[in-house]
Each structure stands twice: as C-alpha cells, then as structure tokens.
C-alpha cells in the first residue's frame, strides 16, 4: 500500500472518533478550569506515617496543577492494615498483604458542606523473608507505593468532580 493510500485509510478510520464526544479532562492545561479548581483544594493534615505520605503526594499533585486560594478542604482518613497470609512448616508467616484504604471528603470552605464523599484503596503483597530488616523495608516500600496510588485515585476523582461542576460552555 502506498503512503497516500495509508493516509487515506488512517483518516477514514479516525473520522468516527471525531464525533464521539470525548474531550480531554485537563483541557486548557494548567490554565484550564479543572486545574484551577484542583489548585483551590487545601489538604488537611492526615495522621500517621501513611497520612504523611498520602498528604505529601496529594499536595505535590494539587499544587503542581495550580495554587489558587483554598476554596475547598480535603479531609482524609486512612486505614492501614498488614495481614499475614500463608504459613511455613514452622508456623511463621510466608507472605503479607498490606492494604491502605482512604475515606475522603471534599468540603466547600465557604458553606462547610460536603460536596464529595468517596473512598479509595489499594493493596500490595509482601514476601516475608528471613531478614527482619528486609521485611520491614518491603513493608515500608509497599506503603510508599500504596500512598502514591491512593493520591492518584483521589486526584482523579476530584478532577471528575471539578469537571462535573463546571458551568456549561456556551
């Protein structure tokens, strides 16, 4: 097939996608309405090591998008659990599962009303090895990864909320 024929085929294949109604979430980049709304979210302090990690990840993502005045407050409560799975012949744990769950509320600072109440969660498997130090390091690394995942989920949900509440385009 010649280059021109490939171009025509590609254009014909792309035509149905033009009318599908999908639009990028972050239209306008850092100056767009979604980014502006996300930049107006103040993350309230979250308890514990997991809270420090999740709060830092949230602030990093939200402040990178924008730095407007706090129009919203984000309250997050975490539940961090490690459960032993599988047993060796000496009854010691062979594997662990670390689960991090977040319940979060987006609160309108002006009215004090909850405008979004949702949850996020993720888990990770950890091999328990003979070295206690290695196991603790693996648990810590798992918590760091889970914190990043939770922060990504929360920011994505906040972006969808911001998109849903934008005034219609004229």
N, C-alpha and C. Protein backbone atom coordinates (compact mmCIF):
# COMPACT_ATOMS: atom_id res chain seq x y z
N UNK A 1 0.86 -1.17 0.00
CA UNK A 1 0.00 0.00 0.00
C UNK A 1 0.90 1.23 0.00
N UNK A 2 0.57 2.19 -0.81
CA UNK A 2 1.39 3.41 -0.92
C UNK A 2 1.15 4.32 0.29
N UNK A 3 2.03 5.30 0.47
CA UNK A 3 1.92 6.24 1.58
C UNK A 3 0.62 7.03 1.54
N UNK A 4 0.20 7.40 0.32
CA UNK A 4 -1.03 8.16 0.18
C UNK A 4 -2.25 7.31 0.56
N UNK A 5 -2.25 6.06 0.15
CA UNK A 5 -3.35 5.16 0.46
C UNK A 5 -3.44 4.93 1.97
N UNK A 6 -2.29 4.78 2.63
CA UNK A 6 -2.28 4.61 4.09
C UNK A 6 -2.85 5.84 4.79
N UNK A 7 -2.51 7.01 4.29
CA UNK A 7 -3.01 8.24 4.87
C UNK A 7 -4.53 8.32 4.75
N UNK A 8 -5.05 7.95 3.59
CA UNK A 8 -6.50 7.99 3.36
C UNK A 8 -7.20 6.99 4.29
N UNK A 9 -6.63 5.79 4.41
CA UNK A 9 -7.22 4.78 5.30
C UNK A 9 -7.20 5.28 6.74
N UNK A 10 -6.10 5.88 7.18
CA UNK A 10 -6.00 6.38 8.55
C UNK A 10 -7.02 7.50 8.80
N UNK A 11 -7.19 8.39 7.86
CA UNK A 11 -8.17 9.47 8.01
C UNK A 11 -9.59 8.93 8.07
N UNK A 12 -9.89 7.95 7.21
CA UNK A 12 -11.23 7.36 7.22
C UNK A 12 -11.49 6.62 8.53
N UNK A 13 -10.48 5.96 9.07
CA UNK A 13 -10.64 5.24 10.34
C UNK A 13 -10.83 6.21 11.50
N UNK A 14 -10.21 7.38 11.44
CA UNK A 14 -10.29 8.35 12.53
C UNK A 14 -11.57 9.17 12.51
N UNK A 15 -12.27 9.22 11.39
CA UNK A 15 -13.46 10.05 11.28
C UNK A 15 -14.54 9.73 12.31
N UNK A 16 -14.85 8.46 12.58
CA UNK A 16 -15.89 8.19 13.59
C UNK A 16 -15.50 8.69 14.98
N UNK A 17 -14.22 8.77 15.28
CA UNK A 17 -13.79 9.23 16.59
C UNK A 17 -14.03 10.72 16.80
N UNK A 18 -14.09 11.47 15.73
CA UNK A 18 -14.27 12.92 15.85
C UNK A 18 -15.60 13.28 16.49
N UNK A 19 -16.62 12.47 16.33
CA UNK A 19 -17.93 12.79 16.88
C UNK A 19 -18.29 12.01 18.13
N UNK A 20 -17.31 11.38 18.78
CA UNK A 20 -17.64 10.51 19.91
C UNK A 20 -17.95 11.28 21.18
N UNK A 21 -17.64 12.58 21.23
CA UNK A 21 -17.97 13.38 22.40
C UNK A 21 -16.94 13.34 23.51
N UNK A 22 -15.89 12.58 23.37
CA UNK A 22 -14.84 12.55 24.38
C UNK A 22 -13.99 13.82 24.29
N UNK A 23 -13.73 14.39 25.43
CA UNK A 23 -12.85 15.56 25.47
C UNK A 23 -11.84 15.35 26.58
N UNK A 24 -10.66 15.91 26.43
CA UNK A 24 -9.65 15.74 27.48
C UNK A 24 -10.11 16.36 28.79
N UNK A 25 -9.79 15.70 29.90
CA UNK A 25 -10.20 16.19 31.21
C UNK A 25 -9.51 17.49 31.55
N UNK A 26 -8.23 17.60 31.21
CA UNK A 26 -7.46 18.79 31.55
C UNK A 26 -7.36 19.75 30.37
N UNK A 27 -8.46 19.99 29.68
CA UNK A 27 -8.46 20.94 28.58
C UNK A 27 -8.00 22.30 29.09
N UNK A 28 -7.05 22.88 28.39
CA UNK A 28 -6.51 24.17 28.80
C UNK A 28 -5.28 24.05 29.69
N UNK A 29 -4.88 22.82 29.99
CA UNK A 29 -3.67 22.61 30.79
C UNK A 29 -3.78 23.24 32.16
N UNK A 30 -2.68 23.83 32.64
CA UNK A 30 -2.64 24.43 33.96
C UNK A 30 -3.51 25.66 34.09
N UNK A 31 -3.93 26.24 32.95
CA UNK A 31 -4.78 27.43 32.99
C UNK A 31 -6.25 27.08 32.81
N UNK A 32 -6.56 25.80 32.65
CA UNK A 32 -7.94 25.39 32.41
C UNK A 32 -8.78 25.40 33.68
N UNK A 33 -10.09 25.28 33.52
CA UNK A 33 -11.00 25.34 34.68
C UNK A 33 -10.83 24.17 35.65
N UNK A 34 -10.51 22.98 35.16
CA UNK A 34 -10.33 21.83 36.04
C UNK A 34 -9.09 22.05 36.91
N UNK A 35 -8.00 22.45 36.27
CA UNK A 35 -6.76 22.70 37.01
C UNK A 35 -6.95 23.81 38.03
N UNK A 36 -7.70 24.83 37.66
CA UNK A 36 -7.95 25.94 38.59
C UNK A 36 -8.70 25.46 39.82
N UNK A 37 -9.70 24.61 39.62
CA UNK A 37 -10.46 24.07 40.75
C UNK A 37 -9.57 23.19 41.63
N UNK A 38 -8.77 22.32 41.01
CA UNK A 38 -7.88 21.45 41.79
C UNK A 38 -6.85 22.26 42.58
N UNK A 39 -6.43 23.38 42.03
CA UNK A 39 -5.47 24.23 42.72
C UNK A 39 -6.07 24.94 43.92
N UNK A 40 -7.40 24.90 44.05
CA UNK A 40 -8.08 25.55 45.16
C UNK A 40 -8.39 24.59 46.31
N UNK A 41 -7.79 23.39 46.28
CA UNK A 41 -8.03 22.39 47.31
C UNK A 41 -6.90 22.42 48.33
N UNK A 42 -7.27 22.59 49.60
CA UNK A 42 -6.31 22.54 50.69
C UNK A 42 -6.41 21.16 51.35
N UNK A 43 -5.30 20.45 51.39
CA UNK A 43 -5.28 19.13 52.01
C UNK A 43 -5.04 19.31 53.51
N UNK A 44 -5.98 18.85 54.30
CA UNK A 44 -5.86 18.95 55.75
C UNK A 44 -4.88 17.88 56.25
N UNK A 45 -4.22 18.12 57.38
CA UNK A 45 -3.24 17.14 57.90
C UNK A 45 -3.90 15.77 58.11
N UNK A 46 -3.12 14.73 57.79
CA UNK A 46 -3.60 13.34 57.93
C UNK A 46 -2.68 12.65 58.93
N UNK A 47 -3.26 11.91 59.86
CA UNK A 47 -2.50 11.26 60.94
C UNK A 47 -1.61 10.13 60.43
N UNK A 48 -0.48 9.94 61.12
CA UNK A 48 0.38 8.78 60.93
C UNK A 48 1.35 8.89 59.77
N UNK A 49 2.20 7.87 59.67
CA UNK A 49 3.18 7.82 58.58
C UNK A 49 2.48 7.73 57.23
N UNK A 50 1.47 6.87 57.14
CA UNK A 50 0.72 6.75 55.89
C UNK A 50 0.07 8.09 55.55
N UNK A 51 -0.44 8.79 56.55
CA UNK A 51 -1.05 10.10 56.33
C UNK A 51 -0.05 11.11 55.83
N UNK A 52 1.15 11.07 56.38
CA UNK A 52 2.20 11.99 55.93
C UNK A 52 2.54 11.71 54.47
N UNK A 53 2.62 10.43 54.10
CA UNK A 53 2.94 10.07 52.72
C UNK A 53 1.81 10.45 51.75
N UNK A 54 0.58 10.12 52.12
CA UNK A 54 -0.55 10.43 51.26
C UNK A 54 -0.73 11.95 51.15
N UNK A 55 -0.64 12.65 52.28
CA UNK A 55 -0.77 14.11 52.27
C UNK A 55 0.29 14.77 51.41
N UNK A 56 1.51 14.30 51.51
CA UNK A 56 2.58 14.84 50.68
C UNK A 56 2.35 14.60 49.20
N UNK A 57 1.89 13.39 48.87
CA UNK A 57 1.61 13.06 47.47
C UNK A 57 0.45 13.90 46.94
N UNK A 58 -0.59 14.09 47.76
CA UNK A 58 -1.73 14.92 47.34
C UNK A 58 -1.30 16.37 47.12
N UNK A 59 -0.56 16.92 48.08
CA UNK A 59 -0.10 18.31 47.94
C UNK A 59 0.79 18.48 46.71
N UNK A 60 1.64 17.50 46.48
CA UNK A 60 2.53 17.56 45.31
C UNK A 60 1.72 17.63 44.02
N UNK A 61 0.68 16.80 43.92
CA UNK A 61 -0.11 16.76 42.70
C UNK A 61 -1.01 17.99 42.56
N UNK A 62 -1.65 18.39 43.65
CA UNK A 62 -2.58 19.52 43.57
C UNK A 62 -1.87 20.85 43.41
N UNK A 63 -0.76 21.04 44.08
CA UNK A 63 -0.04 22.31 43.97
C UNK A 63 0.68 22.43 42.64
N UNK A 64 1.01 21.28 42.01
CA UNK A 64 1.63 21.32 40.69
C UNK A 64 0.62 21.79 39.64
N UNK A 65 -0.67 21.55 39.92
CA UNK A 65 -1.71 21.93 38.98
C UNK A 65 -2.04 23.42 39.10
N UNK A 66 -2.08 23.93 40.30
CA UNK A 66 -2.43 25.33 40.49
C UNK A 66 -2.20 25.74 41.92
N UNK A 67 -2.27 27.01 42.18
CA UNK A 67 -2.04 27.49 43.54
C UNK A 67 -3.02 28.60 43.90
N UNK A 68 -4.29 28.34 43.67
CA UNK A 68 -5.30 29.34 43.99
C UNK A 68 -5.60 29.35 45.48
N UNK A 69 -6.44 30.29 45.88
CA UNK A 69 -6.86 30.37 47.27
C UNK A 69 -7.70 29.14 47.60
N UNK A 70 -7.66 28.72 48.85
CA UNK A 70 -8.36 27.50 49.27
C UNK A 70 -9.87 27.70 49.24
N UNK A 71 -10.51 27.14 48.25
CA UNK A 71 -11.96 27.18 48.14
C UNK A 71 -12.57 25.92 48.73
N UNK A 72 -11.74 24.86 48.78
CA UNK A 72 -12.17 23.57 49.31
C UNK A 72 -11.16 23.06 50.34
N UNK A 73 -11.66 22.24 51.26
CA UNK A 73 -10.80 21.50 52.19
C UNK A 73 -10.99 20.02 51.89
N UNK A 74 -9.88 19.29 51.92
CA UNK A 74 -9.93 17.85 51.70
C UNK A 74 -9.54 17.15 52.99
N UNK A 75 -10.51 16.45 53.59
CA UNK A 75 -10.27 15.66 54.79
C UNK A 75 -10.12 14.20 54.38
N UNK A 76 -9.05 13.57 54.86
CA UNK A 76 -8.78 12.18 54.52
C UNK A 76 -8.56 11.39 55.80
N UNK A 77 -9.22 10.24 55.90
CA UNK A 77 -8.99 9.29 56.99
C UNK A 77 -8.48 8.00 56.37
N UNK A 78 -7.40 7.47 56.93
CA UNK A 78 -6.78 6.27 56.36
C UNK A 78 -6.96 5.07 57.27
N UNK A 79 -7.01 3.91 56.66
CA UNK A 79 -6.99 2.64 57.36
C UNK A 79 -5.88 1.81 56.73
N UNK A 80 -4.82 1.56 57.50
CA UNK A 80 -3.63 0.84 57.02
C UNK A 80 -3.53 -0.47 57.79
N UNK A 81 -3.58 -1.59 57.06
CA UNK A 81 -3.54 -2.90 57.71
C UNK A 81 -2.52 -3.79 57.02
N UNK A 82 -1.87 -4.61 57.84
CA UNK A 82 -1.00 -5.67 57.32
C UNK A 82 -1.53 -6.98 57.87
N UNK A 83 -1.81 -7.91 56.98
CA UNK A 83 -2.36 -9.20 57.36
C UNK A 83 -1.41 -10.29 56.87
N UNK A 84 -1.11 -11.23 57.74
CA UNK A 84 -0.26 -12.35 57.36
C UNK A 84 -1.04 -13.38 56.56
N UNK A 85 -0.41 -13.86 55.49
CA UNK A 85 -1.03 -14.88 54.63
C UNK A 85 -0.06 -16.04 54.49
N UNK A 86 -0.54 -17.20 54.41
CA UNK A 86 0.31 -18.36 54.18
C UNK A 86 1.24 -18.63 55.35
N UNK A 87 1.43 -19.88 55.64
CA UNK A 87 2.30 -20.24 56.77
C UNK A 87 3.31 -21.27 56.31
N UNK A 88 4.47 -21.15 56.89
CA UNK A 88 5.52 -22.14 56.64
C UNK A 88 5.33 -23.32 57.60
N UNK A 89 6.15 -24.33 57.45
CA UNK A 89 6.04 -25.52 58.30
C UNK A 89 6.31 -25.20 59.78
N UNK A 90 7.05 -24.12 60.04
CA UNK A 90 7.31 -23.72 61.43
C UNK A 90 6.27 -22.72 61.95
N UNK A 91 5.15 -22.59 61.24
CA UNK A 91 4.04 -21.69 61.58
C UNK A 91 4.39 -20.20 61.48
N UNK A 92 5.48 -19.85 60.82
CA UNK A 92 5.79 -18.44 60.59
C UNK A 92 5.08 -17.97 59.31
N UNK A 93 4.83 -16.69 59.23
CA UNK A 93 4.13 -16.10 58.08
C UNK A 93 5.06 -16.09 56.87
N UNK A 94 4.53 -16.49 55.72
CA UNK A 94 5.33 -16.53 54.49
C UNK A 94 5.08 -15.32 53.61
N UNK A 95 3.91 -14.74 53.73
CA UNK A 95 3.55 -13.60 52.87
C UNK A 95 2.60 -12.70 53.64
N UNK A 96 2.67 -11.40 53.33
CA UNK A 96 1.77 -10.43 53.95
C UNK A 96 1.03 -9.65 52.87
N UNK A 97 -0.10 -9.13 53.26
CA UNK A 97 -0.83 -8.23 52.37
C UNK A 97 -1.03 -6.92 53.11
N UNK A 98 -0.53 -5.84 52.52
CA UNK A 98 -0.72 -4.52 53.11
C UNK A 98 -1.83 -3.83 52.35
N UNK A 99 -2.82 -3.37 53.08
CA UNK A 99 -3.98 -2.71 52.50
C UNK A 99 -4.07 -1.29 53.03
N UNK A 100 -4.22 -0.35 52.12
CA UNK A 100 -4.41 1.06 52.50
C UNK A 100 -5.72 1.53 51.89
N UNK A 101 -6.62 1.96 52.76
CA UNK A 101 -7.92 2.48 52.34
C UNK A 101 -8.05 3.92 52.82
N UNK A 102 -8.70 4.73 52.01
CA UNK A 102 -8.91 6.13 52.37
C UNK A 102 -10.38 6.48 52.21
N UNK A 103 -10.90 7.16 53.19
CA UNK A 103 -12.22 7.78 53.07
C UNK A 103 -11.95 9.26 53.06
N UNK A 104 -12.42 9.93 52.05
CA UNK A 104 -12.13 11.36 51.95
C UNK A 104 -13.39 12.15 51.64
N UNK A 105 -13.36 13.40 52.13
CA UNK A 105 -14.46 14.32 51.91
C UNK A 105 -13.91 15.64 51.42
N UNK A 106 -14.52 16.13 50.36
CA UNK A 106 -14.21 17.46 49.85
C UNK A 106 -15.27 18.40 50.41
N UNK A 107 -14.81 19.42 51.12
CA UNK A 107 -15.72 20.33 51.81
C UNK A 107 -15.60 21.72 51.23
N UNK A 108 -16.73 22.31 50.89
CA UNK A 108 -16.75 23.69 50.43
C UNK A 108 -16.41 24.58 51.61
N UNK A 109 -15.32 25.33 51.52
CA UNK A 109 -14.84 26.13 52.65
C UNK A 109 -15.83 27.24 53.03
N UNK A 110 -16.53 27.78 52.06
CA UNK A 110 -17.46 28.88 52.33
C UNK A 110 -18.68 28.42 53.11
N UNK A 111 -19.27 27.31 52.68
CA UNK A 111 -20.51 26.86 53.31
C UNK A 111 -20.29 25.77 54.35
N UNK A 112 -19.17 25.08 54.30
CA UNK A 112 -18.91 23.98 55.21
C UNK A 112 -19.60 22.69 54.82
N UNK A 113 -20.24 22.68 53.66
CA UNK A 113 -20.97 21.48 53.23
C UNK A 113 -20.04 20.51 52.50
N UNK A 114 -20.34 19.24 52.67
CA UNK A 114 -19.58 18.18 52.00
C UNK A 114 -20.10 18.08 50.57
N UNK A 115 -19.20 18.30 49.60
CA UNK A 115 -19.61 18.25 48.19
C UNK A 115 -19.20 16.94 47.52
N UNK A 116 -18.27 16.22 48.15
CA UNK A 116 -17.85 14.92 47.63
C UNK A 116 -17.43 14.05 48.80
N UNK A 117 -17.97 12.85 48.87
CA UNK A 117 -17.64 11.89 49.93
C UNK A 117 -17.38 10.56 49.23
N UNK A 118 -16.14 10.09 49.26
CA UNK A 118 -15.79 8.90 48.50
C UNK A 118 -14.67 8.12 49.20
N UNK A 119 -14.33 6.99 48.61
CA UNK A 119 -13.26 6.16 49.14
C UNK A 119 -12.28 5.80 48.03
N UNK A 120 -11.08 5.45 48.45
CA UNK A 120 -10.05 4.96 47.54
C UNK A 120 -9.30 3.86 48.27
N UNK A 121 -8.71 2.97 47.53
CA UNK A 121 -7.97 1.91 48.19
C UNK A 121 -7.07 1.14 47.25
N UNK A 122 -6.09 0.50 47.85
CA UNK A 122 -5.17 -0.34 47.10
C UNK A 122 -4.50 -1.30 48.07
N UNK A 123 -3.93 -2.36 47.53
CA UNK A 123 -3.20 -3.28 48.38
C UNK A 123 -1.97 -3.81 47.65
N UNK A 124 -1.05 -4.38 48.43
CA UNK A 124 0.20 -4.90 47.89
C UNK A 124 0.58 -6.16 48.64
N UNK A 125 1.16 -7.10 47.92
CA UNK A 125 1.67 -8.31 48.54
C UNK A 125 3.13 -8.14 48.90
N UNK A 126 3.51 -8.73 50.04
CA UNK A 126 4.89 -8.60 50.54
C UNK A 126 5.39 -10.00 50.90
N UNK A 127 6.56 -10.37 50.37
CA UNK A 127 7.19 -11.63 50.75
C UNK A 127 7.89 -11.43 52.09
N UNK A 128 7.65 -12.32 53.01
CA UNK A 128 8.32 -12.28 54.31
C UNK A 128 9.54 -13.19 54.20
N UNK A 129 10.71 -12.58 54.32
CA UNK A 129 11.97 -13.33 54.18
C UNK A 129 12.63 -13.51 55.54
N UNK A 130 13.76 -14.19 55.55
CA UNK A 130 14.45 -14.49 56.80
C UNK A 130 14.99 -13.26 57.51
N UNK A 131 15.27 -12.21 56.78
CA UNK A 131 15.81 -10.98 57.36
C UNK A 131 14.66 -10.06 57.79
N UNK A 132 14.60 -9.77 59.08
CA UNK A 132 13.56 -8.87 59.58
C UNK A 132 13.69 -7.48 58.96
N UNK A 133 14.93 -7.02 58.78
CA UNK A 133 15.18 -5.71 58.16
C UNK A 133 14.61 -5.67 56.75
N UNK A 134 14.84 -6.73 55.97
CA UNK A 134 14.34 -6.77 54.60
C UNK A 134 12.82 -6.75 54.56
N UNK A 135 12.19 -7.44 55.49
CA UNK A 135 10.73 -7.46 55.55
C UNK A 135 10.18 -6.08 55.91
N UNK A 136 10.81 -5.43 56.89
CA UNK A 136 10.37 -4.08 57.27
C UNK A 136 10.57 -3.10 56.11
N UNK A 137 11.68 -3.24 55.40
CA UNK A 137 11.93 -2.37 54.24
C UNK A 137 10.88 -2.62 53.16
N UNK A 138 10.51 -3.87 52.94
CA UNK A 138 9.49 -4.19 51.94
C UNK A 138 8.12 -3.63 52.36
N UNK A 139 7.80 -3.70 53.65
CA UNK A 139 6.54 -3.13 54.13
C UNK A 139 6.52 -1.62 53.93
N UNK A 140 7.64 -0.98 54.19
CA UNK A 140 7.74 0.48 54.03
C UNK A 140 7.62 0.88 52.56
N UNK A 141 8.31 0.13 51.69
CA UNK A 141 8.23 0.41 50.25
C UNK A 141 6.81 0.22 49.75
N UNK A 142 6.14 -0.82 50.23
CA UNK A 142 4.75 -1.06 49.84
C UNK A 142 3.87 0.11 50.26
N UNK A 143 4.08 0.63 51.47
CA UNK A 143 3.30 1.77 51.94
C UNK A 143 3.53 2.99 51.06
N UNK A 144 4.76 3.23 50.66
CA UNK A 144 5.07 4.36 49.78
C UNK A 144 4.33 4.23 48.45
N UNK A 145 4.36 3.04 47.86
CA UNK A 145 3.67 2.82 46.58
C UNK A 145 2.15 2.96 46.74
N UNK A 146 1.61 2.39 47.82
CA UNK A 146 0.18 2.49 48.06
C UNK A 146 -0.26 3.94 48.27
N UNK A 147 0.56 4.72 48.94
CA UNK A 147 0.26 6.14 49.17
C UNK A 147 0.17 6.90 47.85
N UNK A 148 1.08 6.62 46.94
CA UNK A 148 1.06 7.25 45.62
C UNK A 148 -0.20 6.85 44.85
N UNK A 149 -0.55 5.58 44.92
CA UNK A 149 -1.74 5.08 44.23
C UNK A 149 -3.00 5.73 44.78
N UNK A 150 -3.10 5.81 46.10
CA UNK A 150 -4.27 6.44 46.73
C UNK A 150 -4.37 7.91 46.32
N UNK A 151 -3.24 8.61 46.33
CA UNK A 151 -3.23 10.03 45.94
C UNK A 151 -3.69 10.18 44.49
N UNK A 152 -3.23 9.32 43.61
CA UNK A 152 -3.65 9.38 42.20
C UNK A 152 -5.16 9.17 42.08
N UNK A 153 -5.69 8.20 42.82
CA UNK A 153 -7.13 7.92 42.77
C UNK A 153 -7.94 9.12 43.27
N UNK A 154 -7.49 9.72 44.35
CA UNK A 154 -8.22 10.86 44.92
C UNK A 154 -8.18 12.05 43.95
N UNK A 155 -7.02 12.36 43.40
CA UNK A 155 -6.92 13.50 42.48
C UNK A 155 -7.77 13.26 41.23
N UNK A 156 -7.79 12.03 40.72
CA UNK A 156 -8.62 11.72 39.56
C UNK A 156 -10.10 11.94 39.88
N UNK A 157 -10.52 11.53 41.07
CA UNK A 157 -11.93 11.71 41.46
C UNK A 157 -12.26 13.19 41.66
N UNK A 158 -11.31 13.93 42.24
CA UNK A 158 -11.51 15.38 42.40
C UNK A 158 -11.63 16.06 41.03
N UNK A 159 -10.82 15.62 40.08
CA UNK A 159 -10.88 16.20 38.73
C UNK A 159 -12.23 15.92 38.08
N UNK A 160 -12.75 14.72 38.28
CA UNK A 160 -14.08 14.41 37.74
C UNK A 160 -15.15 15.26 38.40
N UNK A 161 -15.03 15.47 39.70
CA UNK A 161 -15.97 16.36 40.40
C UNK A 161 -15.88 17.78 39.81
N UNK A 162 -14.66 18.26 39.65
CA UNK A 162 -14.46 19.62 39.11
C UNK A 162 -15.06 19.73 37.71
N UNK A 163 -14.89 18.70 36.92
CA UNK A 163 -15.43 18.72 35.56
C UNK A 163 -16.95 18.74 35.59
N UNK A 164 -17.53 17.93 36.47
CA UNK A 164 -18.98 17.84 36.56
C UNK A 164 -19.62 19.14 37.02
N UNK A 165 -18.89 19.91 37.83
CA UNK A 165 -19.47 21.13 38.39
C UNK A 165 -19.13 22.39 37.58
N UNK A 166 -18.44 22.23 36.46
CA UNK A 166 -18.11 23.39 35.63
C UNK A 166 -19.38 23.86 34.92
N UNK A 167 -19.52 25.19 34.78
CA UNK A 167 -20.70 25.68 34.03
C UNK A 167 -20.61 25.24 32.58
N UNK A 168 -21.75 24.97 31.95
CA UNK A 168 -21.73 24.54 30.54
C UNK A 168 -21.15 25.61 29.64
N UNK A 169 -20.45 25.13 28.60
CA UNK A 169 -19.87 26.06 27.62
C UNK A 169 -20.98 26.60 26.74
N UNK A 170 -20.84 27.87 26.40
CA UNK A 170 -21.89 28.47 25.56
C UNK A 170 -21.54 28.40 24.11
